[in-house]
Amino acid sequence: MAAKRDEQLSYEAAREELLEVVRQLESGGLPLEKSLALWERGEELAQICQTWLDGARARLAARRATESPDDADDEDDADDELEDAD
């Protein structure tokens, strides 16, 4: 059931839970069994975050691959306009 719940975690939710796991582990004073369980959960959460990031990279790469050279020039022009505004 946890695997099903994990599939529905957003990147932000997984990252936030991972940060909490790290805080607990860094605070120390936990029994060994609890520390191991937290470590394992942290590994699961890190993998969920990595999967989200890999998916985002793939989407960006696909988008860039489908852009025409004219589209890229338009983006460069927009970037130049933003720099000129500063």
PDB file of N, CA and C in Angstrom:
ATOM      1  N   MET A   1       0.808  -1.186   0.000  1.00  0.00           N
ATOM      2  CA  MET A   1       0.000   0.000   0.000  1.00  0.00           C
ATOM      3  C   MET A   1       0.858   1.260   0.000  1.00  0.00           C
ATOM      4  N   ALA A   2       2.007   1.237   0.677  1.00  0.00           N
ATOM      5  CA  ALA A   2       2.894   2.391   0.691  1.00  0.00           C
ATOM      6  C   ALA A   2       3.402   2.696  -0.713  1.00  0.00           C
ATOM      7  N   ALA A   3       3.661   1.655  -1.518  1.00  0.00           N
ATOM      8  CA  ALA A   3       4.131   1.866  -2.882  1.00  0.00           C
ATOM      9  C   ALA A   3       3.085   2.619  -3.693  1.00  0.00           C
ATOM     10  N   LYS A   4       1.827   2.276  -3.525  1.00  0.00           N
ATOM     11  CA  LYS A   4       0.744   2.970  -4.231  1.00  0.00           C
ATOM     12  C   LYS A   4       0.695   4.428  -3.792  1.00  0.00           C
ATOM     13  N   ARG A   5       0.816   4.670  -2.505  1.00  0.00           N
ATOM     14  CA  ARG A   5       0.817   6.036  -1.978  1.00  0.00           C
ATOM     15  C   ARG A   5       2.014   6.816  -2.518  1.00  0.00           C
ATOM     16  N   ASP A   6       3.180   6.164  -2.582  1.00  0.00           N
ATOM     17  CA  ASP A   6       4.388   6.817  -3.065  1.00  0.00           C
ATOM     18  C   ASP A   6       4.279   7.222  -4.527  1.00  0.00           C
ATOM     19  N   GLU A   7       3.573   6.425  -5.324  1.00  0.00           N
ATOM     20  CA  GLU A   7       3.405   6.752  -6.736  1.00  0.00           C
ATOM     21  C   GLU A   7       2.663   8.068  -6.905  1.00  0.00           C
ATOM     22  N   GLN A   8       1.852   8.436  -5.925  1.00  0.00           N
ATOM     23  CA  GLN A   8       1.050   9.643  -6.011  1.00  0.00           C
ATOM     24  C   GLN A   8       1.740  10.859  -5.386  1.00  0.00           C
ATOM     25  N   LEU A   9       2.914  10.668  -4.793  1.00  0.00           N
ATOM     26  CA  LEU A   9       3.623  11.784  -4.171  1.00  0.00           C
ATOM     27  C   LEU A   9       4.144  12.736  -5.235  1.00  0.00           C
ATOM     28  N   SER A  10       3.916  14.013  -5.018  1.00  0.00           N
ATOM     29  CA  SER A  10       4.510  15.003  -5.907  1.00  0.00           C
ATOM     30  C   SER A  10       6.000  15.117  -5.564  1.00  0.00           C
ATOM     31  N   TYR A  11       6.741  15.746  -6.443  1.00  0.00           N
ATOM     32  CA  TYR A  11       8.156  15.983  -6.175  1.00  0.00           C
ATOM     33  C   TYR A  11       8.312  16.767  -4.867  1.00  0.00           C
ATOM     34  N   GLU A  12       7.506  17.808  -4.734  1.00  0.00           N
ATOM     35  CA  GLU A  12       7.618  18.668  -3.566  1.00  0.00           C
ATOM     36  C   GLU A  12       7.304  17.925  -2.267  1.00  0.00           C
ATOM     37  N   ALA A  13       6.278  17.076  -2.297  1.00  0.00           N
ATOM     38  CA  ALA A  13       5.914  16.313  -1.103  1.00  0.00           C
ATOM     39  C   ALA A  13       7.009  15.307  -0.745  1.00  0.00           C
ATOM     40  N   ALA A  14       7.561  14.630  -1.758  1.00  0.00           N
ATOM     41  CA  ALA A  14       8.631  13.664  -1.508  1.00  0.00           C
ATOM     42  C   ALA A  14       9.871  14.364  -0.964  1.00  0.00           C
ATOM     43  N   ARG A  15      10.193  15.518  -1.528  1.00  0.00           N
ATOM     44  CA  ARG A  15      11.362  16.271  -1.078  1.00  0.00           C
ATOM     45  C   ARG A  15      11.179  16.740   0.368  1.00  0.00           C
ATOM     46  N   GLU A  16      10.003  17.233   0.679  1.00  0.00           N
ATOM     47  CA  GLU A  16       9.738  17.712   2.040  1.00  0.00           C
ATOM     48  C   GLU A  16       9.841  16.563   3.047  1.00  0.00           C
ATOM     49  N   GLU A  17       9.269  15.415   2.709  1.00  0.00           N
ATOM     50  CA  GLU A  17       9.371  14.264   3.613  1.00  0.00           C
ATOM     51  C   GLU A  17      10.818  13.809   3.745  1.00  0.00           C
ATOM     52  N   LEU A  18      11.556  13.846   2.649  1.00  0.00           N
ATOM     53  CA  LEU A  18      12.964  13.472   2.690  1.00  0.00           C
ATOM     54  C   LEU A  18      13.751  14.412   3.605  1.00  0.00           C
ATOM     55  N   LEU A  19      13.469  15.692   3.528  1.00  0.00           N
ATOM     56  CA  LEU A  19      14.140  16.644   4.417  1.00  0.00           C
ATOM     57  C   LEU A  19      13.843  16.338   5.884  1.00  0.00           C
ATOM     58  N   GLU A  20      12.612  15.957   6.168  1.00  0.00           N
ATOM     59  CA  GLU A  20      12.246  15.604   7.542  1.00  0.00           C
ATOM     60  C   GLU A  20      12.989  14.344   8.000  1.00  0.00           C
ATOM     61  N   VAL A  21      13.114  13.372   7.123  1.00  0.00           N
ATOM     62  CA  VAL A  21      13.863  12.153   7.444  1.00  0.00           C
ATOM     63  C   VAL A  21      15.311  12.513   7.770  1.00  0.00           C
ATOM     64  N   VAL A  22      15.904  13.359   6.960  1.00  0.00           N
ATOM     65  CA  VAL A  22      17.294  13.769   7.185  1.00  0.00           C
ATOM     66  C   VAL A  22      17.415  14.497   8.524  1.00  0.00           C
ATOM     67  N   ARG A  23      16.489  15.383   8.820  1.00  0.00           N
ATOM     68  CA  ARG A  23      16.517  16.092  10.110  1.00  0.00           C
ATOM     69  C   ARG A  23      16.495  15.109  11.281  1.00  0.00           C
ATOM     70  N   GLN A  24      15.619  14.113  11.183  1.00  0.00           N
ATOM     71  CA  GLN A  24      15.515  13.139  12.274  1.00  0.00           C
ATOM     72  C   GLN A  24      16.798  12.336  12.418  1.00  0.00           C
ATOM     73  N   LEU A  25      17.363  11.918  11.293  1.00  0.00           N
ATOM     74  CA  LEU A  25      18.595  11.139  11.354  1.00  0.00           C
ATOM     75  C   LEU A  25      19.757  11.975  11.893  1.00  0.00           C
ATOM     76  N   GLU A  26      19.823  13.232  11.482  1.00  0.00           N
ATOM     77  CA  GLU A  26      20.911  14.085  11.933  1.00  0.00           C
ATOM     78  C   GLU A  26      20.797  14.459  13.409  1.00  0.00           C
ATOM     79  N   SER A  27      19.583  14.449  13.933  1.00  0.00           N
ATOM     80  CA  SER A  27      19.407  14.802  15.340  1.00  0.00           C
ATOM     81  C   SER A  27      19.989  13.735  16.258  1.00  0.00           C
ATOM     82  N   GLY A  28      20.063  12.495  15.754  1.00  0.00           N
ATOM     83  CA  GLY A  28      20.659  11.413  16.525  1.00  0.00           C
ATOM     84  C   GLY A  28      19.765  10.954  17.663  1.00  0.00           C
ATOM     85  N   GLY A  29      20.295  10.061  18.457  1.00  0.00           N
ATOM     86  CA  GLY A  29      19.577   9.576  19.627  1.00  0.00           C
ATOM     87  C   GLY A  29      18.470   8.583  19.324  1.00  0.00           C
ATOM     88  N   LEU A  30      18.355   8.141  18.091  1.00  0.00           N
ATOM     89  CA  LEU A  30      17.312   7.182  17.734  1.00  0.00           C
ATOM     90  C   LEU A  30      17.822   5.752  17.899  1.00  0.00           C
ATOM     91  N   PRO A  31      16.949   4.843  18.232  1.00  0.00           N
ATOM     92  CA  PRO A  31      17.357   3.436  18.267  1.00  0.00           C
ATOM     93  C   PRO A  31      17.794   2.996  16.861  1.00  0.00           C
ATOM     94  N   LEU A  32      18.644   2.019  16.825  1.00  0.00           N
ATOM     95  CA  LEU A  32      19.189   1.544  15.559  1.00  0.00           C
ATOM     96  C   LEU A  32      18.087   1.150  14.580  1.00  0.00           C
ATOM     97  N   GLU A  33      17.101   0.409  15.037  1.00  0.00           N
ATOM     98  CA  GLU A  33      16.034  -0.061  14.151  1.00  0.00           C
ATOM     99  C   GLU A  33      15.268   1.114  13.535  1.00  0.00           C
ATOM    100  N   LYS A  34      15.000   2.131  14.341  1.00  0.00           N
ATOM    101  CA  LYS A  34      14.297   3.325  13.844  1.00  0.00           C
ATOM    102  C   LYS A  34      15.174   4.069  12.828  1.00  0.00           C
ATOM    103  N   SER A  35      16.459   4.168  13.117  1.00  0.00           N
ATOM    104  CA  SER A  35      17.387   4.824  12.191  1.00  0.00           C
ATOM    105  C   SER A  35      17.441   4.094  10.856  1.00  0.00           C
ATOM    106  N   LEU A  36      17.489   2.759  10.908  1.00  0.00           N
ATOM    107  CA  LEU A  36      17.516   1.979   9.667  1.00  0.00           C
ATOM    108  C   LEU A  36      16.228   2.158   8.863  1.00  0.00           C
ATOM    109  N   ALA A  37      15.097   2.181   9.560  1.00  0.00           N
ATOM    110  CA  ALA A  37      13.816   2.373   8.877  1.00  0.00           C
ATOM    111  C   ALA A  37      13.766   3.752   8.222  1.00  0.00           C
ATOM    112  N   LEU A  38      14.255   4.764   8.925  1.00  0.00           N
ATOM    113  CA  LEU A  38      14.285   6.108   8.347  1.00  0.00           C
ATOM    114  C   LEU A  38      15.226   6.168   7.144  1.00  0.00           C
ATOM    115  N   TRP A  39      16.373   5.530   7.267  1.00  0.00           N
ATOM    116  CA  TRP A  39      17.331   5.505   6.151  1.00  0.00           C
ATOM    117  C   TRP A  39      16.690   4.870   4.916  1.00  0.00           C
ATOM    118  N   GLU A  40      16.024   3.745   5.112  1.00  0.00           N
ATOM    119  CA  GLU A  40      15.363   3.069   3.987  1.00  0.00           C
ATOM    120  C   GLU A  40      14.285   3.956   3.369  1.00  0.00           C
ATOM    121  N   ARG A  41      13.519   4.631   4.215  1.00  0.00           N
ATOM    122  CA  ARG A  41      12.487   5.541   3.710  1.00  0.00           C
ATOM    123  C   ARG A  41      13.134   6.693   2.947  1.00  0.00           C
ATOM    124  N   GLY A  42      14.230   7.184   3.451  1.00  0.00           N
ATOM    125  CA  GLY A  42      14.956   8.248   2.765  1.00  0.00           C
ATOM    126  C   GLY A  42      15.422   7.815   1.382  1.00  0.00           C
ATOM    127  N   GLU A  43      15.904   6.595   1.287  1.00  0.00           N
ATOM    128  CA  GLU A  43      16.326   6.062  -0.018  1.00  0.00           C
ATOM    129  C   GLU A  43      15.145   5.996  -0.985  1.00  0.00           C
ATOM    130  N   GLU A  44      13.989   5.557  -0.495  1.00  0.00           N
ATOM    131  CA  GLU A  44      12.789   5.499  -1.332  1.00  0.00           C
ATOM    132  C   GLU A  44      12.397   6.891  -1.813  1.00  0.00           C
ATOM    133  N   LEU A  45      12.413   7.844  -0.899  1.00  0.00           N
ATOM    134  CA  LEU A  45      12.029   9.208  -1.241  1.00  0.00           C
ATOM    135  C   LEU A  45      13.014   9.836  -2.219  1.00  0.00           C
ATOM    136  N   ALA A  46      14.292   9.569  -2.027  1.00  0.00           N
ATOM    137  CA  ALA A  46      15.298  10.091  -2.956  1.00  0.00           C
ATOM    138  C   ALA A  46      15.065   9.541  -4.357  1.00  0.00           C
ATOM    139  N   GLN A  47      14.693   8.273  -4.447  1.00  0.00           N
ATOM    140  CA  GLN A  47      14.415   7.674  -5.751  1.00  0.00           C
ATOM    141  C   GLN A  47      13.178   8.306  -6.397  1.00  0.00           C
ATOM    142  N   ILE A  48      12.164   8.587  -5.594  1.00  0.00           N
ATOM    143  CA  ILE A  48      10.962   9.251  -6.116  1.00  0.00           C
ATOM    144  C   ILE A  48      11.336  10.627  -6.671  1.00  0.00           C
ATOM    145  N   CYS A  49      12.125  11.374  -5.925  1.00  0.00           N
ATOM    146  CA  CYS A  49      12.558  12.698  -6.389  1.00  0.00           C
ATOM    147  C   CYS A  49      13.363  12.571  -7.683  1.00  0.00           C
ATOM    148  N   GLN A  50      14.258  11.597  -7.731  1.00  0.00           N
ATOM    149  CA  GLN A  50      15.078  11.410  -8.924  1.00  0.00           C
ATOM    150  C   GLN A  50      14.225  11.062 -10.133  1.00  0.00           C
ATOM    151  N   THR A  51      13.202  10.248  -9.928  1.00  0.00           N
ATOM    152  CA  THR A  51      12.296   9.886 -11.018  1.00  0.00           C
ATOM    153  C   THR A  51      11.581  11.127 -11.554  1.00  0.00           C
ATOM    154  N   TRP A  52      11.111  11.985 -10.647  1.00  0.00           N
ATOM    155  CA  TRP A  52      10.469  13.236 -11.070  1.00  0.00           C
ATOM    156  C   TRP A  52      11.444  14.102 -11.865  1.00  0.00           C
ATOM    157  N   LEU A  53      12.676  14.234 -11.368  1.00  0.00           N
ATOM    158  CA  LEU A  53      13.661  15.064 -12.051  1.00  0.00           C
ATOM    159  C   LEU A  53      14.035  14.489 -13.415  1.00  0.00           C
ATOM    160  N   ASP A  54      14.179  13.179 -13.491  1.00  0.00           N
ATOM    161  CA  ASP A  54      14.478  12.539 -14.780  1.00  0.00           C
ATOM    162  C   ASP A  54      13.350  12.782 -15.781  1.00  0.00           C
ATOM    163  N   GLY A  55      12.109  12.693 -15.291  1.00  0.00           N
ATOM    164  CA  GLY A  55      10.962  12.952 -16.156  1.00  0.00           C
ATOM    165  C   GLY A  55      10.946  14.386 -16.656  1.00  0.00           C
ATOM    166  N   ALA A  56      11.271  15.314 -15.776  1.00  0.00           N
ATOM    167  CA  ALA A  56      11.307  16.721 -16.173  1.00  0.00           C
ATOM    168  C   ALA A  56      12.394  16.962 -17.210  1.00  0.00           C
ATOM    169  N   ARG A  57      13.559  16.364 -17.014  1.00  0.00           N
ATOM    170  CA  ARG A  57      14.640  16.499 -17.993  1.00  0.00           C
ATOM    171  C   ARG A  57      14.236  15.926 -19.349  1.00  0.00           C
ATOM    172  N   ALA A  58      13.579  14.786 -19.312  1.00  0.00           N
ATOM    173  CA  ALA A  58      13.142  14.157 -20.560  1.00  0.00           C
ATOM    174  C   ALA A  58      12.130  15.042 -21.290  1.00  0.00           C
ATOM    175  N   ARG A  59      11.215  15.632 -20.538  1.00  0.00           N
ATOM    176  CA  ARG A  59      10.223  16.523 -21.152  1.00  0.00           C
ATOM    177  C   ARG A  59      10.888  17.741 -21.778  1.00  0.00           C
ATOM    178  N   LEU A  60      11.873  18.315 -21.080  1.00  0.00           N
ATOM    179  CA  LEU A  60      12.586  19.460 -21.625  1.00  0.00           C
ATOM    180  C   LEU A  60      13.376  19.080 -22.872  1.00  0.00           C
ATOM    181  N   ALA A  61      14.031  17.932 -22.823  1.00  0.00           N
ATOM    182  CA  ALA A  61      14.800  17.478 -23.977  1.00  0.00           C
ATOM    183  C   ALA A  61      13.892  17.233 -25.173  1.00  0.00           C
ATOM    184  N   ALA A  62      12.732  16.640 -24.928  1.00  0.00           N
ATOM    185  CA  ALA A  62      11.780  16.394 -26.017  1.00  0.00           C
ATOM    186  C   ALA A  62      11.285  17.709 -26.600  1.00  0.00           C
ATOM    187  N   ARG A  63      11.020  18.650 -25.734  1.00  0.00           N
ATOM    188  CA  ARG A  63      10.557  19.968 -26.194  1.00  0.00           C
ATOM    189  C   ARG A  63      11.621  20.655 -27.030  1.00  0.00           C
ATOM    190  N   ARG A  64      12.847  20.609 -26.570  1.00  0.00           N
ATOM    191  CA  ARG A  64      13.945  21.234 -27.315  1.00  0.00           C
ATOM    192  C   ARG A  64      14.159  20.547 -28.656  1.00  0.00           C
ATOM    193  N   ALA A  65      13.981  19.239 -28.690  1.00  0.00           N
ATOM    194  CA  ALA A  65      14.186  18.483 -29.931  1.00  0.00           C
ATOM    195  C   ALA A  65      13.132  18.820 -30.971  1.00  0.00           C
ATOM    196  N   THR A  66      11.939  19.229 -30.535  1.00  0.00           N
ATOM    197  CA  THR A  66      10.860  19.534 -31.474  1.00  0.00           C
ATOM    198  C   THR A  66      10.807  21.001 -31.862  1.00  0.00           C
ATOM    199  N   GLU A  67      11.596  21.840 -31.192  1.00  0.00           N
ATOM    200  CA  GLU A  67      11.597  23.260 -31.528  1.00  0.00           C
ATOM    201  C   GLU A  67      12.282  23.480 -32.865  1.00  0.00           C
ATOM    202  N   SER A  68      11.745  24.404 -33.624  1.00  0.00           N
ATOM    203  CA  SER A  68      12.412  24.782 -34.869  1.00  0.00           C
ATOM    204  C   SER A  68      13.479  25.810 -34.543  1.00  0.00           C
ATOM    205  N   PRO A  69      14.451  25.996 -35.405  1.00  0.00           N
ATOM    206  CA  PRO A  69      15.483  27.014 -35.143  1.00  0.00           C
ATOM    207  C   PRO A  69      14.882  28.400 -34.963  1.00  0.00           C
ATOM    208  N   ASP A  70      13.772  28.703 -35.644  1.00  0.00           N
ATOM    209  CA  ASP A  70      13.119  30.008 -35.490  1.00  0.00           C
ATOM    210  C   ASP A  70      12.608  30.190 -34.071  1.00  0.00           C
ATOM    211  N   ASP A  71      12.076  29.109 -33.451  1.00  0.00           N
ATOM    212  CA  ASP A  71      11.586  29.190 -32.082  1.00  0.00           C
ATOM    213  C   ASP A  71      12.714  29.541 -31.127  1.00  0.00           C
ATOM    214  N   ALA A  72      13.864  28.940 -31.337  1.00  0.00           N
ATOM    215  CA  ALA A  72      15.014  29.195 -30.472  1.00  0.00           C
ATOM    216  C   ALA A  72      15.455  30.641 -30.610  1.00  0.00           C
ATOM    217  N   ASP A  73      15.419  31.198 -31.834  1.00  0.00           N
ATOM    218  CA  ASP A  73      15.785  32.597 -32.035  1.00  0.00           C
ATOM    219  C   ASP A  73      14.827  33.517 -31.301  1.00  0.00           C
ATOM    220  N   ASP A  74      13.529  33.194 -31.325  1.00  0.00           N
ATOM    221  CA  ASP A  74      12.537  33.997 -30.624  1.00  0.00           C
ATOM    222  C   ASP A  74      12.815  34.021 -29.130  1.00  0.00           C
ATOM    223  N   GLU A  75      13.210  32.878 -28.569  1.00  0.00           N
ATOM    224  CA  GLU A  75      13.524  32.820 -27.145  1.00  0.00           C
ATOM    225  C   GLU A  75      14.752  33.656 -26.836  1.00  0.00           C
ATOM    226  N   ASP A  76      15.769  33.606 -27.720  1.00  0.00           N
ATOM    227  CA  ASP A  76      16.964  34.411 -27.513  1.00  0.00           C
ATOM    228  C   ASP A  76      16.618  35.894 -27.525  1.00  0.00           C
ATOM    229  N   ASP A  77      15.739  36.301 -28.443  1.00  0.00           N
ATOM    230  CA  ASP A  77      15.310  37.694 -28.507  1.00  0.00           C
ATOM    231  C   ASP A  77      14.616  38.102 -27.219  1.00  0.00           C
ATOM    232  N   ALA A  78      13.761  37.230 -26.690  1.00  0.00           N
ATOM    233  CA  ALA A  78      13.059  37.531 -25.442  1.00  0.00           C
ATOM    234  C   ALA A  78      14.054  37.666 -24.287  1.00  0.00           C
ATOM    235  N   ASP A  79      15.060  36.793 -24.259  1.00  0.00           N
ATOM    236  CA  ASP A  79      16.085  36.881 -23.225  1.00  0.00           C
ATOM    237  C   ASP A  79      16.849  38.201 -23.335  1.00  0.00           C
ATOM    238  N   ASP A  80      17.178  38.603 -24.565  1.00  0.00           N
ATOM    239  CA  ASP A  80      17.880  39.856 -24.776  1.00  0.00           C
ATOM    240  C   ASP A  80      17.057  41.041 -24.298  1.00  0.00           C
ATOM    241  N   GLU A  81      15.751  40.997 -24.562  1.00  0.00           N
ATOM    242  CA  GLU A  81      14.864  42.078 -24.116  1.00  0.00           C
ATOM    243  C   GLU A  81      14.830  42.163 -22.604  1.00  0.00           C
ATOM    244  N   LEU A  82      14.811  41.016 -21.931  1.00  0.00           N
ATOM    245  CA  LEU A  82      14.817  41.017 -20.472  1.00  0.00           C
ATOM    246  C   LEU A  82      16.121  41.600 -19.933  1.00  0.00           C
ATOM    247  N   GLU A  83      17.244  41.256 -20.547  1.00  0.00           N
ATOM    248  CA  GLU A  83      18.524  41.774 -20.099  1.00  0.00           C
ATOM    249  C   GLU A  83      18.595  43.277 -20.315  1.00  0.00           C
ATOM    250  N   ASP A  84      18.045  43.767 -21.440  1.00  0.00           N
ATOM    251  CA  ASP A  84      18.056  45.194 -21.711  1.00  0.00           C
ATOM    252  C   ASP A  84      17.200  45.953 -20.710  1.00  0.00           C
ATOM    253  N   ALA A  85      16.144  45.309 -20.199  1.00  0.00           N
ATOM    254  CA  ALA A  85      15.255  45.963 -19.237  1.00  0.00           C
ATOM    255  C   ALA A  85      15.943  46.186 -17.901  1.00  0.00           C
ATOM    256  N   ASP A  86      16.934  45.344 -17.586  1.00  0.00           N
ATOM    257  CA  ASP A  86      17.653  45.491 -16.307  1.00  0.00           C
ATOM    258  C   ASP A  86      18.530  46.690 -16.388  1.00  0.00           C
TER     259      ASP A  86
END
